Amino acid sequence: MGTIKRIKGLEFRAIALACADPADSMNHLGTAELMARCERYVAASRAREHLLVTLAENGGE
């Protein structure tokens, strides 16, 4: 387990990106800052075979 910044440059068989904070930019990638979108892309691209992404519930939004 590690942070998005910690896994940069590494590769894993499976990655799980879990987001529990509704305010996190992972839940709003369309309006997120470029750096936040790039960090999430880099984290997701570390997975060789499996990628699981969970998002926070926005309370019906």
Protein backbone atom coordinates (compact mmCIF):
# COMPACT_ATOMS: atom_id res chain seq x y z
CA MET A 1 0.00 0.00 0.00
CA GLY A 2 1.28 3.46 -0.83
CA THR A 3 0.41 6.96 -1.89
CA ILE A 4 -0.04 8.09 -5.48
CA LYS A 5 3.30 9.91 -5.34
CA ARG A 6 5.09 6.94 -3.77
CA ILE A 7 4.20 4.47 -6.55
CA LYS A 8 5.34 6.76 -9.37
CA GLY A 9 7.78 4.88 -11.61
CA LEU A 10 6.86 1.47 -10.19
CA GLU A 11 4.70 -1.25 -11.73
CA PHE A 12 2.28 -3.64 -10.03
CA ARG A 13 0.15 -6.58 -11.13
CA ALA A 14 -2.95 -4.92 -9.61
CA ILE A 15 -3.76 -1.44 -8.36
CA ALA A 16 -6.72 -0.25 -6.29
CA LEU A 17 -7.38 3.48 -6.21
CA ALA A 18 -9.81 4.10 -3.36
CA CYS A 19 -11.39 7.48 -2.80
CA ALA A 20 -13.63 8.06 0.25
CA ASP A 21 -13.62 11.88 0.21
CA PRO A 22 -16.39 13.37 -1.97
CA ALA A 23 -14.28 16.54 -2.37
CA ASP A 24 -11.27 14.64 -3.77
CA SER A 25 -10.48 15.48 -7.38
CA MET A 26 -10.80 11.77 -8.27
CA ASN A 27 -14.57 12.31 -7.99
CA HIS A 28 -14.47 15.36 -10.27
CA LEU A 29 -11.83 14.65 -12.92
CA GLY A 30 -13.66 16.72 -15.52
CA THR A 31 -13.10 19.89 -13.50
CA ALA A 32 -9.92 18.90 -11.64
CA GLU A 33 -6.63 20.73 -11.98
CA LEU A 34 -4.28 19.35 -14.62
CA MET A 35 -1.74 18.17 -12.01
CA ALA A 36 -4.41 16.22 -10.10
CA ARG A 37 -5.60 14.53 -13.31
CA CYS A 38 -2.03 13.66 -14.29
CA GLU A 39 -1.28 12.18 -10.85
CA ARG A 40 -4.35 9.94 -11.06
CA TYR A 41 -3.41 8.86 -14.59
CA VAL A 42 0.11 7.95 -13.50
CA ALA A 43 -1.26 5.96 -10.54
CA ALA A 44 -3.77 4.11 -12.73
CA SER A 45 -1.16 3.33 -15.38
CA ARG A 46 1.00 1.49 -12.82
CA ALA A 47 -1.34 -1.54 -13.06
CA ARG A 48 -0.22 -4.28 -15.46
CA GLU A 49 -3.29 -6.54 -15.27
CA HIS A 50 -6.01 -5.23 -12.96
CA LEU A 51 -7.22 -1.78 -11.93
CA LEU A 52 -9.95 -1.11 -9.37
CA VAL A 53 -11.18 2.46 -8.88
CA THR A 54 -13.67 3.33 -6.16
CA LEU A 55 -15.28 6.72 -5.78
CA ALA A 56 -16.99 8.40 -2.86
CA GLU A 57 -20.75 8.58 -2.79
CA ASN A 58 -21.83 12.14 -3.54
CA GLY A 59 -25.13 11.98 -1.69
CA GLY A 60 -27.27 11.67 -4.82
CA GLU A 61 -25.52 14.34 -6.88
